[in-house]
Each structure stands twice: as structure tokens, then as C-alpha cells.
Amino acid sequence: MAKRGKKYQESFKLVDRTHLYDVVEAIELVQKTAKANFDETVELAVRLGVDPRHADQQVRGAIVLPHGTGRTRTVLVFAKGEKAKEAEEAGADYVGGEELVEKIQKENWLDFDVVVATPDMMGVVGKIGRILGPKGLMPNPKSGTVTFDVGKAVREIKAGKVEYRVDKSSIIHVPIGKVSFGTDKLRENFAVIMEEIIKARPASTKGKYLKSITLSSTMGPGIKVNPQQLVDKFVAKKEE
């Protein structure tokens, strides 16, 4: 294991690895342990009690965070005619069709963060599925990136829409903002994404669904959040 830097070691001493923190405590500790010389991203990692090898236990979706992520995302849209114009007016960074597919194929051009496509363009996009897929860039109806409402899709992404998807290790990794956001905004972003993940529980899942929840800054140590506290709050909210 590589030796950690002095700043990380100092931050690590502030964290009790055996303790499950409540959300506010964890967020405040994330801010204290963020010692880099830049505005670190606050990352959420949720380990789920699902088996992602089964199609009926896939957990994925997208949601607009109330305070965004603190990062401007570059959006590429595959559309034509009026829909291409709509995407441009909404603020898409790149809009086109076959010419963009050719650029990606020939130049290995990937200077974008999100790809949106109208349904009628998916045949074109499919030609580069092997390039976009492994990088998590392939448009998908479940995440709202395959749609005729391209204007709305682009505006939401620019406003802070994030996609979440369980990986092969049964973990969802998603950013919830920047350290500079402060406790209240980070807590609100955290609450929105966690409620969404809890709602997305597959019907076929048995046993404990939220196995562990960890918050960390880009360069800081992981801080464990009490998952049962969130489940109790969600159940109480449903019963209101």
C-alpha cells in the first residue's frame, strides 16, 4: 500500500473508524478533513444488498440535486432538425449526428461528460456503443438521456443532474457537491439522493438493502454514516 501524505494522516486521526456518524456529523467531519489546496468534491458511496449480475436487481437512475454538484458538465447531444436547435438553445456544448460519430471513431474524441440523444438517433449512436459504453457515456432512457425533450434534459444536466448506478461491487458512487457548499446544502443534496436510492430498491432484493454508507472528500478519508437512521427517517416520512 502506498504511503499516505502528511495531510491525509492528519485528517485520518480525526475519524473514528468504528463509529457510525449521523449525517450532519459526517458532513461536518468531511469538511474538517478536506485539507487540499482546491475545493474538493464530496463523494457518496453506498454499498447495497443487491446482486448486480441479475437484471432485476440493477439500481440506476438520475436526479437533479437541489444545489447542483458545483461542476459545469459538458453535454453532447445527438439530434437533428428542430431538436438540434432546441438542444443548442438549451445550452448544449456539442450538437450533431454522423459527423460527431465519425469524430469520436477516428479521433477518439471524448471531450464531454454526458451524452443525450433523441430516440430516432439511437441507431447512429449505436455505432459507437463500444466506445461510449465502457466509459458510462451511453445514453439510456432510465437516466433520461434518451428523450425527445432534449431541451429539458440539457437544462437539468447543466443545473446539477446526477446519474447513479450500482457497479459490479454492488456500490453506487455519486458526487453530492463541493466542500465549499457548507453543511446545509450538502445535507439537502445528500437527503435527496439517498431518498431516491431507497425508493429504487428492487422488489426482488431480500435482507438488508443499505449495507453501508460512506462520505469523503476527494483527498480525505472515508467517514461512515449510520444507514439505519436514514431507513427510519424514510419510513417515518412515508407514514406521515
C-alpha atoms as a PDB file:
ATOM      1  CA  MET A   1       0.000   0.000   0.000  1.00  0.00           C
ATOM      2  CA  ALA A   2       1.314   3.449  -0.954  1.00  0.00           C
ATOM      3  CA  LYS A   3       2.270   5.694   1.920  1.00  0.00           C
ATOM      4  CA  ARG A   4      -0.309   8.409   2.571  1.00  0.00           C
ATOM      5  CA  GLY A   5       0.687  12.066   2.687  1.00  0.00           C
ATOM      6  CA  LYS A   6       1.003  14.100   5.883  1.00  0.00           C
ATOM      7  CA  LYS A   7      -2.296  15.955   5.346  1.00  0.00           C
ATOM      8  CA  TYR A   8      -4.202  12.701   4.880  1.00  0.00           C
ATOM      9  CA  GLN A   9      -2.646  11.210   8.014  1.00  0.00           C
ATOM     10  CA  GLU A  10      -3.669  14.298   9.993  1.00  0.00           C
ATOM     11  CA  SER A  11      -7.229  14.017   8.670  1.00  0.00           C
ATOM     12  CA  PHE A  12      -7.370  10.291   9.343  1.00  0.00           C
ATOM     13  CA  LYS A  13      -6.694  10.901  13.067  1.00  0.00           C
ATOM     14  CA  LEU A  14      -9.922  12.931  13.288  1.00  0.00           C
ATOM     15  CA  VAL A  15     -12.082   9.977  12.200  1.00  0.00           C
ATOM     16  CA  ASP A  16     -13.282   7.171  14.470  1.00  0.00           C
ATOM     17  CA  ARG A  17     -13.326   4.196  12.088  1.00  0.00           C
ATOM     18  CA  THR A  18     -15.503   2.149  14.446  1.00  0.00           C
ATOM     19  CA  HIS A  19     -18.237   4.787  14.768  1.00  0.00           C
ATOM     20  CA  LEU A  20     -21.329   5.255  12.573  1.00  0.00           C
ATOM     21  CA  TYR A  21     -21.911   9.002  12.396  1.00  0.00           C
ATOM     22  CA  ASP A  22     -25.227  10.724  11.860  1.00  0.00           C
ATOM     23  CA  VAL A  23     -25.477  12.655   8.592  1.00  0.00           C
ATOM     24  CA  VAL A  24     -24.721  16.137   9.886  1.00  0.00           C
ATOM     25  CA  GLU A  25     -21.754  14.911  11.974  1.00  0.00           C
ATOM     26  CA  ALA A  26     -20.363  13.088   8.941  1.00  0.00           C
ATOM     27  CA  ILE A  27     -20.708  16.093   6.641  1.00  0.00           C
ATOM     28  CA  GLU A  28     -19.064  18.410   9.163  1.00  0.00           C
ATOM     29  CA  LEU A  29     -16.217  15.925   9.553  1.00  0.00           C
ATOM     30  CA  VAL A  30     -15.801  15.675   5.767  1.00  0.00           C
ATOM     31  CA  GLN A  31     -15.308  19.440   5.698  1.00  0.00           C
ATOM     32  CA  LYS A  32     -12.764  19.316   8.538  1.00  0.00           C
ATOM     33  CA  THR A  33     -10.758  16.558   6.861  1.00  0.00           C
ATOM     34  CA  ALA A  34     -10.657  18.264   3.441  1.00  0.00           C
ATOM     35  CA  LYS A  35      -7.192  19.787   3.527  1.00  0.00           C
ATOM     36  CA  ALA A  36      -6.285  20.003  -0.173  1.00  0.00           C
ATOM     37  CA  ASN A  37      -5.455  23.322  -1.832  1.00  0.00           C
ATOM     38  CA  PHE A  38      -8.572  23.175  -4.019  1.00  0.00           C
ATOM     39  CA  ASP A  39     -12.332  22.930  -3.491  1.00  0.00           C
ATOM     40  CA  GLU A  40     -12.711  19.188  -3.030  1.00  0.00           C
ATOM     41  CA  THR A  41     -15.744  17.250  -4.247  1.00  0.00           C
ATOM     42  CA  VAL A  42     -17.780  15.450  -1.586  1.00  0.00           C
ATOM     43  CA  GLU A  43     -18.324  11.848  -2.691  1.00  0.00           C
ATOM     44  CA  LEU A  44     -21.040   9.456  -1.535  1.00  0.00           C
ATOM     45  CA  ALA A  45     -20.506   5.672  -1.690  1.00  0.00           C
ATOM     46  CA  VAL A  46     -23.444   3.382  -0.887  1.00  0.00           C
ATOM     47  CA  ARG A  47     -22.990  -0.385  -0.682  1.00  0.00           C
ATOM     48  CA  LEU A  48     -26.261  -2.152  -1.433  1.00  0.00           C
ATOM     49  CA  GLY A  49     -27.553  -5.624  -0.634  1.00  0.00           C
ATOM     50  CA  VAL A  50     -28.193  -6.419  -4.290  1.00  0.00           C
ATOM     51  CA  ASP A  51     -26.622  -8.757  -6.823  1.00  0.00           C
ATOM     52  CA  PRO A  52     -25.958  -6.587  -9.902  1.00  0.00           C
ATOM     53  CA  ARG A  53     -25.394  -9.720 -12.002  1.00  0.00           C
ATOM     54  CA  HIS A  54     -29.178 -10.097 -12.096  1.00  0.00           C
ATOM     55  CA  ALA A  55     -31.107  -7.727 -14.359  1.00  0.00           C
ATOM     56  CA  ASP A  56     -33.935  -7.395 -11.835  1.00  0.00           C
ATOM     57  CA  GLN A  57     -31.505  -6.151  -9.179  1.00  0.00           C
ATOM     58  CA  GLN A  58     -29.957  -3.314 -11.150  1.00  0.00           C
ATOM     59  CA  VAL A  59     -30.274   0.021  -9.366  1.00  0.00           C
ATOM     60  CA  ARG A  60     -29.857   3.075 -11.548  1.00  0.00           C
ATOM     61  CA  GLY A  61     -31.447   6.399 -12.283  1.00  0.00           C
ATOM     62  CA  ALA A  62     -30.886  10.138 -12.303  1.00  0.00           C
ATOM     63  CA  ILE A  63     -31.973  13.104 -10.221  1.00  0.00           C
ATOM     64  CA  VAL A  64     -31.416  16.848 -10.118  1.00  0.00           C
ATOM     65  CA  LEU A  65     -29.685  17.838  -6.878  1.00  0.00           C
ATOM     66  CA  PRO A  66     -31.262  20.952  -5.314  1.00  0.00           C
ATOM     67  CA  HIS A  67     -27.888  22.717  -5.117  1.00  0.00           C
ATOM     68  CA  GLY A  68     -26.161  21.071  -8.069  1.00  0.00           C
ATOM     69  CA  THR A  69     -22.719  19.494  -7.913  1.00  0.00           C
ATOM     70  CA  GLY A  70     -20.565  22.598  -8.156  1.00  0.00           C
ATOM     71  CA  ARG A  71     -19.287  21.474 -11.521  1.00  0.00           C
ATOM     72  CA  THR A  72     -20.326  22.549 -15.015  1.00  0.00           C
ATOM     73  CA  ARG A  73     -20.766  19.475 -17.193  1.00  0.00           C
ATOM     74  CA  THR A  74     -20.079  19.353 -20.933  1.00  0.00           C
ATOM     75  CA  VAL A  75     -23.072  17.982 -22.824  1.00  0.00           C
ATOM     76  CA  LEU A  76     -23.091  16.384 -26.276  1.00  0.00           C
ATOM     77  CA  VAL A  77     -26.476  15.909 -27.981  1.00  0.00           C
ATOM     78  CA  PHE A  78     -27.261  13.680 -30.949  1.00  0.00           C
ATOM     79  CA  ALA A  79     -30.269  15.254 -32.637  1.00  0.00           C
ATOM     80  CA  LYS A  80     -31.358  16.738 -35.955  1.00  0.00           C
ATOM     81  CA  GLY A  81     -33.656  19.454 -37.267  1.00  0.00           C
ATOM     82  CA  GLU A  82     -35.737  21.299 -34.701  1.00  0.00           C
ATOM     83  CA  LYS A  83     -34.496  19.063 -31.890  1.00  0.00           C
ATOM     84  CA  ALA A  84     -30.902  20.024 -32.660  1.00  0.00           C
ATOM     85  CA  LYS A  85     -31.900  23.695 -32.497  1.00  0.00           C
ATOM     86  CA  GLU A  86     -33.727  23.068 -29.207  1.00  0.00           C
ATOM     87  CA  ALA A  87     -30.609  21.452 -27.719  1.00  0.00           C
ATOM     88  CA  GLU A  88     -28.408  24.372 -28.785  1.00  0.00           C
ATOM     89  CA  GLU A  89     -30.813  26.917 -27.289  1.00  0.00           C
ATOM     90  CA  ALA A  90     -30.844  24.958 -24.002  1.00  0.00           C
ATOM     91  CA  GLY A  91     -27.062  25.267 -23.728  1.00  0.00           C
ATOM     92  CA  ALA A  92     -25.709  22.003 -25.170  1.00  0.00           C
ATOM     93  CA  ASP A  93     -21.973  22.236 -25.842  1.00  0.00           C
ATOM     94  CA  TYR A  94     -21.972  19.996 -28.928  1.00  0.00           C
ATOM     95  CA  VAL A  95     -24.894  19.044 -31.194  1.00  0.00           C
ATOM     96  CA  GLY A  96     -24.834  16.876 -34.297  1.00  0.00           C
ATOM     97  CA  GLY A  97     -25.165  13.437 -35.827  1.00  0.00           C
ATOM     98  CA  GLU A  98     -22.987  11.278 -38.084  1.00  0.00           C
ATOM     99  CA  GLU A  99     -20.172  13.847 -38.134  1.00  0.00           C
ATOM    100  CA  LEU A 100     -19.777  13.571 -34.356  1.00  0.00           C
ATOM    101  CA  VAL A 101     -19.817   9.769 -34.519  1.00  0.00           C
ATOM    102  CA  GLU A 102     -17.016   9.947 -37.107  1.00  0.00           C
ATOM    103  CA  LYS A 103     -15.020  12.369 -34.957  1.00  0.00           C
ATOM    104  CA  ILE A 104     -15.312  10.026 -31.949  1.00  0.00           C
ATOM    105  CA  GLN A 105     -14.352   6.980 -34.028  1.00  0.00           C
ATOM    106  CA  LYS A 106     -11.409   8.497 -35.875  1.00  0.00           C
ATOM    107  CA  GLU A 107     -10.001  10.887 -33.280  1.00  0.00           C
ATOM    108  CA  ASN A 108     -11.033   9.073 -30.085  1.00  0.00           C
ATOM    109  CA  TRP A 109     -12.633  12.415 -29.167  1.00  0.00           C
ATOM    110  CA  LEU A 110     -14.290  12.269 -25.743  1.00  0.00           C
ATOM    111  CA  ASP A 111     -14.248  15.879 -24.528  1.00  0.00           C
ATOM    112  CA  PHE A 112     -17.709  15.692 -22.950  1.00  0.00           C
ATOM    113  CA  ASP A 113     -19.257  14.455 -19.711  1.00  0.00           C
ATOM    114  CA  VAL A 114     -22.800  13.465 -20.737  1.00  0.00           C
ATOM    115  CA  VAL A 115     -24.382  12.265 -23.974  1.00  0.00           C
ATOM    116  CA  VAL A 116     -28.056  12.892 -24.776  1.00  0.00           C
ATOM    117  CA  ALA A 117     -29.831  11.528 -27.847  1.00  0.00           C
ATOM    118  CA  THR A 118     -33.287  11.617 -29.360  1.00  0.00           C
ATOM    119  CA  PRO A 119     -34.763   8.106 -29.847  1.00  0.00           C
ATOM    120  CA  ASP A 120     -34.552   8.373 -33.643  1.00  0.00           C
ATOM    121  CA  MET A 121     -30.777   8.947 -33.374  1.00  0.00           C
ATOM    122  CA  MET A 122     -30.009   5.852 -31.310  1.00  0.00           C
ATOM    123  CA  GLY A 123     -29.233   3.844 -34.457  1.00  0.00           C
ATOM    124  CA  VAL A 124     -26.456   6.331 -35.188  1.00  0.00           C
ATOM    125  CA  VAL A 125     -25.240   6.394 -31.578  1.00  0.00           C
ATOM    126  CA  GLY A 126     -25.194   2.581 -31.521  1.00  0.00           C
ATOM    127  CA  LYS A 127     -22.207   2.647 -33.892  1.00  0.00           C
ATOM    128  CA  ILE A 128     -20.055   3.969 -31.056  1.00  0.00           C
ATOM    129  CA  GLY A 129     -21.649   1.952 -28.253  1.00  0.00           C
ATOM    130  CA  ARG A 130     -18.397   0.051 -27.663  1.00  0.00           C
ATOM    131  CA  ILE A 131     -16.619   3.346 -27.102  1.00  0.00           C
ATOM    132  CA  LEU A 132     -19.244   5.125 -25.003  1.00  0.00           C
ATOM    133  CA  GLY A 133     -20.480   2.118 -23.004  1.00  0.00           C
ATOM    134  CA  PRO A 134     -17.324   1.270 -21.021  1.00  0.00           C
ATOM    135  CA  LYS A 135     -16.968   4.945 -20.060  1.00  0.00           C
ATOM    136  CA  GLY A 136     -20.549   5.202 -18.813  1.00  0.00           C
ATOM    137  CA  LEU A 137     -21.458   7.663 -21.557  1.00  0.00           C
ATOM    138  CA  MET A 138     -24.046   5.657 -23.498  1.00  0.00           C
ATOM    139  CA  PRO A 139     -27.461   7.375 -23.482  1.00  0.00           C
ATOM    140  CA  ASN A 140     -30.156   5.457 -21.613  1.00  0.00           C
ATOM    141  CA  PRO A 141     -33.910   6.036 -21.192  1.00  0.00           C
ATOM    142  CA  LYS A 142     -33.711   5.198 -17.454  1.00  0.00           C
ATOM    143  CA  SER A 143     -31.360   8.110 -16.842  1.00  0.00           C
ATOM    144  CA  GLY A 144     -33.373  10.458 -19.041  1.00  0.00           C
ATOM    145  CA  THR A 145     -30.666  10.798 -21.674  1.00  0.00           C
ATOM    146  CA  VAL A 146     -32.697   9.181 -24.470  1.00  0.00           C
ATOM    147  CA  THR A 147     -35.573  11.591 -24.990  1.00  0.00           C
ATOM    148  CA  PHE A 148     -37.275  13.882 -27.482  1.00  0.00           C
ATOM    149  CA  ASP A 149     -37.388  16.552 -24.768  1.00  0.00           C
ATOM    150  CA  VAL A 150     -33.728  17.395 -25.292  1.00  0.00           C
ATOM    151  CA  GLY A 151     -34.099  20.961 -24.077  1.00  0.00           C
ATOM    152  CA  LYS A 152     -35.296  19.841 -20.663  1.00  0.00           C
ATOM    153  CA  ALA A 153     -32.610  17.126 -20.486  1.00  0.00           C
ATOM    154  CA  VAL A 154     -29.798  19.598 -21.216  1.00  0.00           C
ATOM    155  CA  ARG A 155     -31.108  22.200 -18.760  1.00  0.00           C
ATOM    156  CA  GLU A 156     -31.390  19.600 -15.977  1.00  0.00           C
ATOM    157  CA  ILE A 157     -27.857  18.303 -16.566  1.00  0.00           C
ATOM    158  CA  LYS A 158     -26.492  21.837 -16.525  1.00  0.00           C
ATOM    159  CA  ALA A 159     -28.449  22.520 -13.311  1.00  0.00           C
ATOM    160  CA  GLY A 160     -26.831  19.621 -11.477  1.00  0.00           C
ATOM    161  CA  LYS A 161     -28.498  16.396 -12.534  1.00  0.00           C
ATOM    162  CA  VAL A 162     -26.502  13.336 -11.469  1.00  0.00           C
ATOM    163  CA  GLU A 163     -26.766   9.740 -12.589  1.00  0.00           C
ATOM    164  CA  TYR A 164     -26.341   6.865 -10.179  1.00  0.00           C
ATOM    165  CA  ARG A 165     -25.766   3.221 -10.999  1.00  0.00           C
ATOM    166  CA  VAL A 166     -24.726   0.243  -8.917  1.00  0.00           C
ATOM    167  CA  ASP A 167     -21.378  -1.185 -10.054  1.00  0.00           C
ATOM    168  CA  LYS A 168     -20.084  -4.760 -10.111  1.00  0.00           C
ATOM    169  CA  SER A 169     -19.171  -4.488  -6.424  1.00  0.00           C
ATOM    170  CA  SER A 170     -22.766  -3.515  -5.521  1.00  0.00           C
ATOM    171  CA  ILE A 171     -21.675   0.065  -4.777  1.00  0.00           C
ATOM    172  CA  ILE A 172     -23.130   3.356  -6.011  1.00  0.00           C
ATOM    173  CA  HIS A 173     -20.634   6.225  -6.277  1.00  0.00           C
ATOM    174  CA  VAL A 174     -22.055   9.729  -6.771  1.00  0.00           C
ATOM    175  CA  PRO A 175     -20.882  13.301  -6.045  1.00  0.00           C
ATOM    176  CA  ILE A 176     -23.119  15.440  -3.811  1.00  0.00           C
ATOM    177  CA  GLY A 177     -21.378  18.798  -4.128  1.00  0.00           C
ATOM    178  CA  LYS A 178     -18.271  20.690  -3.100  1.00  0.00           C
ATOM    179  CA  VAL A 179     -16.795  21.195   0.368  1.00  0.00           C
ATOM    180  CA  SER A 180     -17.420  24.945  -0.037  1.00  0.00           C
ATOM    181  CA  PHE A 181     -21.200  24.338  -0.218  1.00  0.00           C
ATOM    182  CA  GLY A 182     -21.389  24.196   3.572  1.00  0.00           C
ATOM    183  CA  THR A 183     -23.260  21.755   5.792  1.00  0.00           C
ATOM    184  CA  ASP A 184     -26.861  22.686   4.955  1.00  0.00           C
ATOM    185  CA  LYS A 185     -26.572  22.453   1.162  1.00  0.00           C
ATOM    186  CA  LEU A 186     -24.581  19.216   1.325  1.00  0.00           C
ATOM    187  CA  ARG A 187     -27.134  17.729   3.739  1.00  0.00           C
ATOM    188  CA  GLU A 188     -30.013  18.630   1.412  1.00  0.00           C
ATOM    189  CA  ASN A 189     -28.245  17.145  -1.620  1.00  0.00           C
ATOM    190  CA  PHE A 190     -27.425  14.020   0.406  1.00  0.00           C
ATOM    191  CA  ALA A 191     -31.044  13.625   1.560  1.00  0.00           C
ATOM    192  CA  VAL A 192     -32.416  13.890  -1.986  1.00  0.00           C
ATOM    193  CA  ILE A 193     -30.086  11.299  -3.497  1.00  0.00           C
ATOM    194  CA  MET A 194     -30.454   8.875  -0.582  1.00  0.00           C
ATOM    195  CA  GLU A 195     -34.253   9.039  -0.721  1.00  0.00           C
ATOM    196  CA  GLU A 196     -34.039   8.286  -4.434  1.00  0.00           C
ATOM    197  CA  ILE A 197     -31.768   5.274  -3.860  1.00  0.00           C
ATOM    198  CA  ILE A 198     -34.032   3.913  -1.125  1.00  0.00           C
ATOM    199  CA  LYS A 199     -37.086   4.275  -3.383  1.00  0.00           C
ATOM    200  CA  ALA A 200     -35.229   2.428  -6.150  1.00  0.00           C
ATOM    201  CA  ARG A 201     -34.917  -0.757  -4.064  1.00  0.00           C
ATOM    202  CA  PRO A 202     -35.657  -3.728  -6.372  1.00  0.00           C
ATOM    203  CA  ALA A 203     -38.672  -5.830  -5.330  1.00  0.00           C
ATOM    204  CA  SER A 204     -36.565  -8.994  -5.678  1.00  0.00           C
ATOM    205  CA  THR A 205     -33.991  -7.837  -3.092  1.00  0.00           C
ATOM    206  CA  LYS A 206     -34.033  -9.761   0.182  1.00  0.00           C
ATOM    207  CA  GLY A 207     -32.467  -8.847   3.518  1.00  0.00           C
ATOM    208  CA  LYS A 208     -30.644  -5.631   4.330  1.00  0.00           C
ATOM    209  CA  TYR A 209     -30.678  -3.157   1.439  1.00  0.00           C
ATOM    210  CA  LEU A 210     -28.404  -0.352   2.727  1.00  0.00           C
ATOM    211  CA  LYS A 211     -25.297  -2.206   3.857  1.00  0.00           C
ATOM    212  CA  SER A 212     -23.002   0.771   4.315  1.00  0.00           C
ATOM    213  CA  ILE A 213     -22.829   4.483   3.524  1.00  0.00           C
ATOM    214  CA  THR A 214     -19.573   6.415   3.334  1.00  0.00           C
ATOM    215  CA  LEU A 215     -18.852  10.091   2.738  1.00  0.00           C
ATOM    216  CA  SER A 216     -15.456  11.501   1.808  1.00  0.00           C
ATOM    217  CA  SER A 217     -13.822  14.463   0.148  1.00  0.00           C
ATOM    218  CA  THR A 218     -11.638  13.984  -2.932  1.00  0.00           C
ATOM    219  CA  MET A 219      -8.429  13.648  -0.918  1.00  0.00           C
ATOM    220  CA  GLY A 220      -9.862  12.823   2.508  1.00  0.00           C
ATOM    221  CA  PRO A 221     -10.620   9.628   4.453  1.00  0.00           C
ATOM    222  CA  GLY A 222     -13.948   7.814   4.336  1.00  0.00           C
ATOM    223  CA  ILE A 223     -16.484   8.601   7.072  1.00  0.00           C
ATOM    224  CA  LYS A 224     -19.183   6.027   7.810  1.00  0.00           C
ATOM    225  CA  VAL A 225     -22.819   7.142   8.104  1.00  0.00           C
ATOM    226  CA  ASN A 226     -25.438   5.241  10.109  1.00  0.00           C
ATOM    227  CA  PRO A 227     -27.688   3.635   7.432  1.00  0.00           C
ATOM    228  CA  GLN A 228     -30.444   2.627   9.871  1.00  0.00           C
ATOM    229  CA  GLN A 229     -31.009   6.278  10.762  1.00  0.00           C
ATOM    230  CA  LEU A 230     -31.860   7.006   7.123  1.00  0.00           C
ATOM    231  CA  VAL A 231     -34.159   3.997   6.793  1.00  0.00           C
ATOM    232  CA  ASP A 232     -36.058   5.058   9.926  1.00  0.00           C
ATOM    233  CA  LYS A 233     -36.462   8.616   8.604  1.00  0.00           C
ATOM    234  CA  PHE A 234     -37.688   7.370   5.226  1.00  0.00           C
ATOM    235  CA  VAL A 235     -40.251   5.017   6.818  1.00  0.00           C
ATOM    236  CA  ALA A 236     -41.465   7.822   9.103  1.00  0.00           C
ATOM    237  CA  LYS A 237     -41.826  10.161   6.115  1.00  0.00           C
ATOM    238  CA  LYS A 238     -43.898   7.594   4.202  1.00  0.00           C
ATOM    239  CA  GLU A 239     -46.223   7.166   7.173  1.00  0.00           C
ATOM    240  CA  GLU A 240     -46.903  10.898   7.530  1.00  0.00           C
END
